[in-house]
Amino acid sequence: MAEITHRRIQTNGMELFIAEAGEGPLVVLSHGWPECWYSWRHQLSALADAGFHAVAPDQRGYGRSTCPPEIDDYTVFHLVGDLVGLVEVMGQAEATLVGHDWGSIITWAAAQLRPDLFTRIVSLSVPTLPRRPLRPLDTYRQVFGDRFFYQLYFQTPGVAEHEFQNDVRATVRKMLYGASGVNERTGMFDITNSPPASNFMLQTMDDPGEDIGAWATPGDVDYFVESFEISGFRGGLNWYRNLDRNWDLMAAMSGRKIEQPTMFITGDRDVVPWNDEFETRMRSMVPGLEEVHVLPGIGHWTQQEAADDVNCLLVDFLGSSSVTP
């Protein structure tokens, strides 16, 4: 198994802490919330063993990377720019971009903004759909009304930070357990089961103690806890506080198709909904979509819960794609 090494790089005026393994065509792994590079621990060595140079950063606002305090420093252009700079630091002219959760959102944007640079795309958990007619937060307010929705809850600076940082270990345990496949679900948008908007997020979530599931050891929990004890939660929450701004900034990309060879992977117990209608809508946006995989019994932490399956799918897709880096 290839060794994972670490270093810090300068990109886009930031310092990013990266984990990397292997040599060969570049594969950049973009994590989501609330995670860090460590969510790709299983993929780094597997990709390296298959002949790729795999790189997973702690992204802006996370872990050991730079964490600007200002909300305006976390727009889609900043986040894509960090990944563009990372590819340049690696000395490559193109790369495969793999994203999960928020990392998928940034991956889809990067695919539209820089198709010359990101020549193959893999998204885990979060599909891309045609542009909404309303800003995201306006849509959520219409849908949820006086019921709780976490992305609306995150909008007031300081509130979610205070709740999450009060007990970082309990926060990490609840998040990892609550969105995992141990809970049977078909999505997170069941408004009838949503608490009032005045609710705090963690108070209705079960705390499993140290038993997250076979996919996450106590040592894995320890690493995520250490990461958020270093960075705090503000940086990651600031990604959410740019939802409407990103909608404005990406207006010029409305209707731009993603032609690159693309694969989408999700679990049938993911908190992000997925169905045939979503696939049809995504294919209208992504004519390059070659493969869709729905993993049974898997929740939101796709590449951690189903590490072996995801590794096989990645290696097969990267080895068989019609585009060769």
Protein backbone atom coordinates (compact mmCIF):
# COMPACT_ATOMS: atom_id res chain seq x y z
CA MET A 1 0.00 0.00 0.00
CA ALA A 2 1.38 3.39 -1.04
CA GLU A 3 2.50 5.74 1.73
CA ILE A 4 0.50 8.91 2.39
CA THR A 5 2.68 11.96 2.98
CA HIS A 6 1.86 15.52 3.99
CA ARG A 7 3.07 19.01 3.18
CA ARG A 8 1.87 22.59 2.91
CA ILE A 9 1.58 24.42 -0.40
CA GLN A 10 0.87 28.02 -1.38
CA THR A 11 -2.08 28.54 -3.72
CA ASN A 12 -4.39 31.44 -4.49
CA GLY A 13 -2.92 33.47 -1.63
CA MET A 14 -3.62 30.62 0.79
CA GLU A 15 -1.68 27.88 2.52
CA LEU A 16 -3.24 24.47 2.01
CA PHE A 17 -2.28 21.40 4.00
CA ILE A 18 -2.34 18.43 1.64
CA ALA A 19 -2.14 14.66 1.86
CA GLU A 20 -0.77 12.90 -1.20
CA ALA A 21 0.34 9.52 -2.46
CA GLY A 22 1.70 8.03 -5.65
CA GLU A 23 2.99 9.29 -8.98
CA GLY A 24 1.29 9.63 -12.33
CA PRO A 25 -1.79 11.45 -13.66
CA LEU A 26 -3.15 13.86 -11.07
CA VAL A 27 -6.36 13.15 -9.16
CA VAL A 28 -7.55 15.89 -6.79
CA LEU A 29 -9.94 14.85 -4.01
CA SER A 30 -12.23 17.58 -2.66
CA HIS A 31 -13.89 16.91 0.70
CA GLY A 32 -17.17 18.15 2.12
CA TRP A 33 -18.62 19.38 5.42
CA PRO A 34 -17.83 18.67 8.19
CA GLU A 35 -14.73 16.79 7.08
CA CYS A 36 -11.10 17.29 6.03
CA TRP A 37 -8.55 15.50 3.83
CA TYR A 38 -8.88 12.46 6.10
CA SER A 39 -12.24 11.53 4.58
CA TRP A 40 -10.22 10.37 1.53
CA ARG A 41 -7.77 8.25 3.55
CA HIS A 42 -8.90 5.04 1.84
CA GLN A 43 -8.78 6.46 -1.69
CA LEU A 44 -5.31 8.05 -1.57
CA SER A 45 -3.40 4.78 -1.33
CA ALA A 46 -5.76 2.89 -3.64
CA LEU A 47 -5.36 5.49 -6.39
CA ALA A 48 -1.61 5.61 -5.85
CA ASP A 49 -1.37 1.83 -6.14
CA ALA A 50 -3.29 2.08 -9.42
CA GLY A 51 -0.73 4.48 -10.89
CA PHE A 52 -2.12 7.92 -10.03
CA HIS A 53 -0.86 10.90 -8.05
CA ALA A 54 -3.70 11.43 -5.57
CA VAL A 55 -3.88 14.69 -3.61
CA ALA A 56 -6.43 15.58 -0.92
CA PRO A 57 -6.24 19.03 0.69
CA ASP A 58 -7.68 20.35 3.88
CA GLN A 59 -9.67 22.95 2.00
CA ARG A 60 -9.92 26.63 2.83
CA GLY A 61 -11.32 27.02 6.34
CA TYR A 62 -10.58 23.46 7.46
CA GLY A 63 -8.01 21.67 9.57
CA ARG A 64 -4.44 22.78 9.09
CA SER A 65 -5.09 25.03 6.08
CA THR A 66 -5.60 28.80 6.21
CA CYS A 67 -8.95 29.75 7.74
CA PRO A 68 -9.89 33.34 6.85
CA PRO A 69 -12.54 34.75 9.21
CA GLU A 70 -14.44 36.79 6.59
CA ILE A 71 -17.48 35.31 4.86
CA ASP A 72 -16.55 36.99 1.58
CA ASP A 73 -13.37 34.89 1.39
CA TYR A 74 -15.33 31.69 0.73
CA THR A 75 -17.10 32.28 -2.58
CA VAL A 76 -17.20 29.65 -5.31
CA PHE A 77 -14.50 31.57 -7.17
CA HIS A 78 -12.18 31.42 -4.16
CA LEU A 79 -12.78 27.70 -3.64
CA VAL A 80 -12.36 26.75 -7.29
CA GLY A 81 -9.34 29.04 -7.46
CA ASP A 82 -7.68 27.12 -4.63
CA LEU A 83 -7.98 23.88 -6.62
CA VAL A 84 -6.76 25.53 -9.81
CA GLY A 85 -3.70 26.76 -7.93
CA LEU A 86 -3.15 23.31 -6.43
CA VAL A 87 -2.98 21.77 -9.92
CA GLU A 88 -0.49 24.44 -10.96
CA VAL A 89 1.68 23.74 -7.90
CA MET A 90 1.68 20.05 -8.85
CA GLY A 91 3.10 21.08 -12.23
CA GLN A 92 0.26 19.57 -14.22
CA ALA A 93 -1.77 20.95 -17.13
CA GLU A 94 -4.89 18.94 -16.26
CA ALA A 95 -6.38 16.73 -13.57
CA THR A 96 -9.28 14.54 -12.60
CA LEU A 97 -11.42 16.23 -9.95
CA VAL A 98 -13.31 14.11 -7.43
CA GLY A 99 -15.69 15.77 -4.98
CA HIS A 100 -17.96 14.74 -2.14
CA ASP A 101 -20.72 16.79 -0.48
CA TRP A 102 -19.63 20.47 -0.68
CA GLY A 103 -16.61 19.20 -2.56
CA SER A 104 -19.05 17.98 -5.22
CA ILE A 105 -20.64 21.41 -5.48
CA ILE A 106 -17.22 22.93 -6.07
CA THR A 107 -16.33 20.12 -8.47
CA TRP A 108 -19.40 20.84 -10.62
CA ALA A 109 -18.54 24.55 -10.66
CA ALA A 110 -14.91 23.84 -11.54
CA ALA A 111 -16.04 21.58 -14.37
CA GLN A 112 -18.00 24.49 -15.86
CA LEU A 113 -15.42 27.19 -15.18
CA ARG A 114 -12.27 25.29 -16.18
CA PRO A 115 -13.08 22.36 -18.50
CA ASP A 116 -9.59 22.75 -19.96
CA LEU A 117 -8.01 21.98 -16.59
CA PHE A 118 -10.42 19.49 -15.00
CA THR A 119 -10.80 16.93 -17.75
CA ARG A 120 -12.56 14.16 -15.83
CA ILE A 121 -15.18 14.57 -13.11
CA VAL A 122 -16.39 12.33 -10.31
CA SER A 123 -19.13 13.46 -7.91
CA LEU A 124 -20.15 11.66 -4.75
CA SER A 125 -23.49 12.29 -3.06
CA VAL A 126 -24.47 15.70 -4.50
CA PRO A 127 -25.77 15.91 -8.08
CA THR A 128 -25.83 19.04 -10.21
CA LEU A 129 -29.20 20.23 -11.47
CA PRO A 130 -30.37 23.04 -13.75
CA ARG A 131 -30.17 26.51 -12.23
CA ARG A 132 -33.05 27.38 -9.89
CA PRO A 133 -35.20 30.42 -10.70
CA LEU A 134 -34.78 31.71 -7.13
CA ARG A 135 -31.75 32.13 -4.91
CA PRO A 136 -31.14 29.06 -2.75
CA LEU A 137 -32.03 30.67 0.58
CA ASP A 138 -35.26 32.11 -0.81
CA THR A 139 -36.15 28.64 -2.07
CA TYR A 140 -35.46 27.07 1.33
CA ARG A 141 -37.52 29.73 3.12
CA GLN A 142 -40.46 29.02 0.84
CA VAL A 143 -40.16 25.26 1.28
CA PHE A 144 -39.48 25.07 5.02
CA GLY A 145 -41.36 28.10 6.29
CA ASP A 146 -41.25 27.99 10.10
CA ARG A 147 -39.58 24.56 10.19
CA PHE A 148 -35.88 23.93 10.86
CA PHE A 149 -33.48 23.55 7.94
CA TYR A 150 -29.79 23.37 8.71
CA GLN A 151 -28.63 25.58 5.82
CA LEU A 152 -30.87 28.40 7.03
CA TYR A 153 -29.75 27.82 10.61
CA PHE A 154 -26.13 28.26 9.52
CA GLN A 155 -26.68 31.76 8.11
CA THR A 156 -26.33 33.78 11.34
CA PRO A 157 -22.61 34.01 12.15
CA GLY A 158 -21.69 32.67 15.55
CA VAL A 159 -24.79 30.63 16.34
CA ALA A 160 -23.87 27.25 14.84
CA GLU A 161 -20.21 27.83 15.72
CA HIS A 162 -21.12 28.18 19.39
CA GLU A 163 -23.26 25.04 19.36
CA PHE A 164 -20.75 22.86 17.50
CA GLN A 165 -17.65 24.01 19.37
CA ASN A 166 -19.24 23.54 22.80
CA ASP A 167 -18.37 19.82 22.59
CA VAL A 168 -16.41 19.05 19.43
CA ARG A 169 -16.28 15.32 20.06
CA ALA A 170 -20.04 15.03 20.53
CA THR A 171 -20.60 17.15 17.41
CA VAL A 172 -18.38 14.91 15.29
CA ARG A 173 -19.95 11.73 16.64
CA LYS A 174 -23.50 12.95 16.01
CA MET A 175 -22.71 14.18 12.49
CA LEU A 176 -20.91 11.01 11.40
CA TYR A 177 -23.51 8.70 12.90
CA GLY A 178 -26.59 10.72 11.96
CA ALA A 179 -25.87 10.94 8.22
CA SER A 180 -24.52 7.41 7.85
CA GLY A 181 -26.23 4.41 6.36
CA VAL A 182 -27.13 3.02 9.76
CA ASN A 183 -30.21 5.24 9.44
CA GLU A 184 -32.69 4.17 6.79
CA ARG A 185 -33.92 7.17 4.80
CA THR A 186 -34.61 8.44 1.32
CA GLY A 187 -33.52 12.04 1.86
CA MET A 188 -33.39 14.93 4.32
CA PHE A 189 -36.31 16.97 3.00
CA ASP A 190 -39.18 15.46 4.99
CA ILE A 191 -40.62 18.75 6.24
CA THR A 192 -43.30 17.04 8.32
CA ASN A 193 -40.57 15.64 10.58
CA SER A 194 -38.60 18.89 10.81
CA PRO A 195 -38.51 20.62 14.21
CA PRO A 196 -39.38 24.32 14.58
CA ALA A 197 -36.96 26.85 13.08
CA SER A 198 -36.01 27.94 16.62
CA ASN A 199 -34.48 24.54 17.26
CA PHE A 200 -30.77 23.89 17.69
CA MET A 201 -29.32 21.35 15.28
CA LEU A 202 -27.65 18.86 17.59
CA GLN A 203 -30.37 18.56 20.21
CA THR A 204 -32.48 16.21 18.08
CA MET A 205 -29.54 14.10 16.88
CA ASP A 206 -28.62 10.81 18.56
CA ASP A 207 -25.20 10.47 20.18
CA PRO A 208 -23.92 6.94 19.50
CA GLY A 209 -20.98 7.23 21.87
CA GLU A 210 -17.90 5.65 20.37
CA ASP A 211 -19.88 3.17 18.25
CA ILE A 212 -20.24 5.11 14.98
CA GLY A 213 -20.20 1.96 12.88
CA ALA A 214 -17.66 -0.44 11.44
CA TRP A 215 -16.60 2.16 8.86
CA ALA A 216 -15.34 4.68 11.45
CA THR A 217 -13.00 3.62 14.24
CA PRO A 218 -12.46 5.62 17.45
CA GLY A 219 -9.14 6.68 15.92
CA ASP A 220 -10.96 8.07 12.88
CA VAL A 221 -13.23 10.08 15.16
CA ASP A 222 -10.16 11.32 17.01
CA TYR A 223 -8.65 12.67 13.79
CA PHE A 224 -11.77 14.61 12.82
CA VAL A 225 -12.06 15.99 16.35
CA GLU A 226 -8.43 17.13 16.29
CA SER A 227 -8.96 18.75 12.91
CA PHE A 228 -11.91 20.84 14.11
CA GLU A 229 -10.19 21.68 17.38
CA ILE A 230 -7.48 23.28 15.22
CA SER A 231 -9.69 25.12 12.73
CA GLY A 232 -12.98 25.56 14.53
CA PHE A 233 -16.19 25.43 12.49
CA ARG A 234 -16.45 28.99 11.17
CA GLY A 235 -14.58 28.38 7.92
CA GLY A 236 -16.75 25.47 6.83
CA LEU A 237 -19.93 27.30 7.83
CA ASN A 238 -18.83 30.29 5.76
CA TRP A 239 -19.11 28.09 2.66
CA TYR A 240 -22.86 27.93 3.38
CA ARG A 241 -23.05 31.66 3.96
CA ASN A 242 -22.13 32.21 0.32
CA LEU A 243 -24.96 30.16 -1.17
CA ASP A 244 -26.84 33.15 -2.54
CA ARG A 245 -23.66 34.96 -3.55
CA ASN A 246 -22.51 31.88 -5.47
CA TRP A 247 -25.88 31.74 -7.25
CA ASP A 248 -25.24 35.31 -8.40
CA LEU A 249 -21.63 34.68 -9.36
CA MET A 250 -22.42 31.57 -11.42
CA ALA A 251 -25.20 33.22 -13.44
CA ALA A 252 -22.93 33.46 -16.48
CA MET A 253 -22.55 29.66 -16.42
CA SER A 254 -26.30 29.05 -16.60
CA GLY A 255 -26.95 26.43 -19.27
CA ARG A 256 -23.28 25.53 -19.76
CA LYS A 257 -23.07 21.78 -20.22
CA ILE A 258 -20.48 19.57 -18.56
CA GLU A 259 -19.04 17.57 -21.44
CA GLN A 260 -16.13 15.92 -19.61
CA PRO A 261 -16.38 12.17 -18.88
CA THR A 262 -18.22 12.05 -15.57
CA MET A 263 -19.23 9.50 -12.94
CA PHE A 264 -21.74 9.94 -10.10
CA ILE A 265 -21.83 7.77 -6.97
CA THR A 266 -24.33 7.90 -4.13
CA GLY A 267 -25.86 5.65 -1.49
CA ASP A 268 -29.49 4.63 -1.23
CA ARG A 269 -29.53 5.90 2.36
CA ASP A 270 -27.87 9.25 1.66
CA VAL A 271 -29.40 12.33 3.28
CA VAL A 272 -29.21 14.02 -0.14
CA PRO A 273 -32.15 12.73 -2.20
CA TRP A 274 -31.62 10.87 -5.46
CA ASN A 275 -34.17 9.39 -7.82
CA ASP A 276 -34.88 8.85 -11.52
CA GLU A 277 -36.17 12.40 -11.94
CA PHE A 278 -32.96 13.83 -10.51
CA GLU A 279 -30.91 11.63 -12.83
CA THR A 280 -32.88 12.85 -15.86
CA ARG A 281 -32.40 16.46 -14.82
CA MET A 282 -28.70 15.94 -14.19
CA ARG A 283 -28.17 14.27 -17.56
CA SER A 284 -29.63 17.36 -19.20
CA MET A 285 -26.81 19.32 -17.58
CA VAL A 286 -24.07 16.69 -17.90
CA PRO A 287 -24.04 15.06 -21.33
CA GLY A 288 -20.66 13.63 -20.33
CA LEU A 289 -22.24 11.52 -17.59
CA GLU A 290 -21.05 7.98 -18.30
CA GLU A 291 -21.79 6.12 -15.08
CA VAL A 292 -24.25 6.35 -12.18
CA HIS A 293 -23.85 4.05 -9.18
CA VAL A 294 -26.24 3.79 -6.21
CA LEU A 295 -24.64 1.78 -3.41
CA PRO A 296 -27.07 -0.23 -1.24
CA GLY A 297 -27.09 0.43 2.50
CA ILE A 298 -24.71 3.39 2.21
CA GLY A 299 -25.41 6.79 3.72
CA HIS A 300 -23.84 10.19 3.18
CA TRP A 301 -20.20 9.40 3.95
CA THR A 302 -19.90 7.52 0.68
CA GLN A 303 -16.15 7.02 0.27
CA GLN A 304 -15.72 6.16 3.95
CA GLU A 305 -18.70 3.85 4.38
CA ALA A 306 -18.08 2.00 1.10
CA ALA A 307 -14.34 2.46 0.71
CA ASP A 308 -13.65 -0.71 -1.28
CA ASP A 309 -16.57 -0.17 -3.66
CA VAL A 310 -15.67 3.47 -4.26
CA ASN A 311 -12.01 2.59 -4.82
CA CYS A 312 -12.91 -0.02 -7.43
CA LEU A 313 -15.30 2.35 -9.19
CA LEU A 314 -12.73 5.15 -9.25
CA VAL A 315 -9.91 2.99 -10.58
CA ASP A 316 -12.14 1.39 -13.21
CA PHE A 317 -13.51 4.75 -14.36
CA LEU A 318 -10.14 6.49 -14.49
CA GLY A 319 -8.61 3.57 -16.31
CA SER A 320 -11.36 3.24 -18.89
CA SER A 321 -12.25 6.86 -19.57
CA SER A 322 -11.83 8.08 -23.12
CA VAL A 323 -9.76 11.04 -21.89
CA THR A 324 -6.15 10.30 -20.96
CA PRO A 325 -4.33 12.87 -18.79
